[in-house]
C-alpha atoms as a PDB file:
ATOM      1  CA  UNK A   1      -8.972  57.872 -56.486  1.00  0.00           C
ATOM      2  CA  UNK A   2     -10.711  54.519 -56.060  1.00  0.00           C
ATOM      3  CA  UNK A   3     -12.907  55.358 -59.046  1.00  0.00           C
ATOM      4  CA  UNK A   4      -9.804  55.813 -61.200  1.00  0.00           C
ATOM      5  CA  UNK A   5      -8.443  52.446 -60.059  1.00  0.00           C
ATOM      6  CA  UNK A   6     -11.774  50.789 -60.875  1.00  0.00           C
ATOM      7  CA  UNK A   7     -11.756  52.280 -64.383  1.00  0.00           C
ATOM      8  CA  UNK A   8      -8.176  51.125 -64.913  1.00  0.00           C
ATOM      9  CA  UNK A   9      -9.107  47.622 -63.792  1.00  0.00           C
ATOM     10  CA  UNK A  10     -11.880  47.499 -66.379  1.00  0.00           C
ATOM     11  CA  UNK A  11      -9.719  48.859 -69.196  1.00  0.00           C
ATOM     12  CA  UNK A  12      -6.476  47.058 -68.333  1.00  0.00           C
ATOM     13  CA  UNK A  13      -7.133  44.126 -65.981  1.00  0.00           C
ATOM     14  CA  UNK A  14      -3.441  43.301 -65.553  1.00  0.00           C
ATOM     15  CA  UNK A  15      -2.266  46.906 -65.121  1.00  0.00           C
ATOM     16  CA  UNK A  16      -1.888  46.763 -61.335  1.00  0.00           C
ATOM     17  CA  UNK A  17       0.114  43.532 -61.538  1.00  0.00           C
ATOM     18  CA  UNK A  18       2.435  45.029 -64.175  1.00  0.00           C
ATOM     19  CA  UNK A  19       2.889  48.140 -62.053  1.00  0.00           C
ATOM     20  CA  UNK A  20       3.669  45.967 -59.010  1.00  0.00           C
ATOM     21  CA  UNK A  21       6.267  43.981 -60.974  1.00  0.00           C
ATOM     22  CA  UNK A  22       7.928  47.169 -62.184  1.00  0.00           C
ATOM     23  CA  UNK A  23       7.969  48.565 -58.659  1.00  0.00           C
ATOM     24  CA  UNK A  24       9.676  45.408 -57.371  1.00  0.00           C
ATOM     25  CA  UNK A  25      12.185  45.633 -60.224  1.00  0.00           C
ATOM     26  CA  UNK A  26      13.002  49.249 -59.385  1.00  0.00           C
ATOM     27  CA  UNK A  27      13.370  48.389 -55.693  1.00  0.00           C
ATOM     28  CA  UNK A  28      15.879  45.689 -56.602  1.00  0.00           C
ATOM     29  CA  UNK A  29      17.823  48.109 -58.792  1.00  0.00           C
ATOM     30  CA  UNK A  30      17.960  50.578 -55.921  1.00  0.00           C
ATOM     31  CA  UNK A  31      19.149  47.983 -53.402  1.00  0.00           C
ATOM     32  CA  UNK A  32      21.706  46.331 -55.693  1.00  0.00           C
ATOM     33  CA  UNK A  33      23.255  49.418 -57.288  1.00  0.00           C
ATOM     34  CA  UNK A  34      25.386  49.267 -59.345  1.00  0.00           C
ATOM     35  CA  UNK A  35      23.894  46.212 -60.980  1.00  0.00           C
ATOM     36  CA  UNK A  36      23.959  44.799 -64.474  1.00  0.00           C
ATOM     37  CA  UNK A  37      20.970  43.276 -66.186  1.00  0.00           C
ATOM     38  CA  UNK A  38      22.240  39.696 -65.791  1.00  0.00           C
ATOM     39  CA  UNK A  39      22.890  40.102 -62.078  1.00  0.00           C
ATOM     40  CA  UNK A  40      19.504  41.766 -61.677  1.00  0.00           C
ATOM     41  CA  UNK A  41      17.754  38.942 -63.528  1.00  0.00           C
ATOM     42  CA  UNK A  42      19.559  36.378 -61.385  1.00  0.00           C
ATOM     43  CA  UNK A  43      18.578  38.168 -58.178  1.00  0.00           C
ATOM     44  CA  UNK A  44      14.938  38.223 -59.295  1.00  0.00           C
ATOM     45  CA  UNK A  45      15.002  34.619 -60.539  1.00  0.00           C
ATOM     46  CA  UNK A  46      14.277  35.662 -64.115  1.00  0.00           C
ATOM     47  CA  UNK A  47      15.726  33.311 -66.683  1.00  0.00           C
ATOM     48  CA  UNK A  48      16.036  33.915 -70.434  1.00  0.00           C
ATOM     49  CA  UNK A  49      13.625  36.879 -70.456  1.00  0.00           C
ATOM     50  CA  UNK A  50      10.654  34.814 -69.304  1.00  0.00           C
ATOM     51  CA  UNK A  51       9.266  37.813 -67.432  1.00  0.00           C
ATOM     52  CA  UNK A  52      10.329  40.722 -69.610  1.00  0.00           C
ATOM     53  CA  UNK A  53       9.330  44.217 -68.589  1.00  0.00           C
ATOM     54  CA  UNK A  54       7.449  45.958 -71.362  1.00  0.00           C
END
């Protein structure tokens, strides 16, 4: 498993950070359900799409 993570780090250096951000986003969705995108962005301190999820 660690070998796979090492390969991913070489191919996509920011992959783990993106995955962490998405995980945090999904946790917030789960805790705030039902939630709209504006309320979600406000709860995560995201303004004007500065940290858009790809």
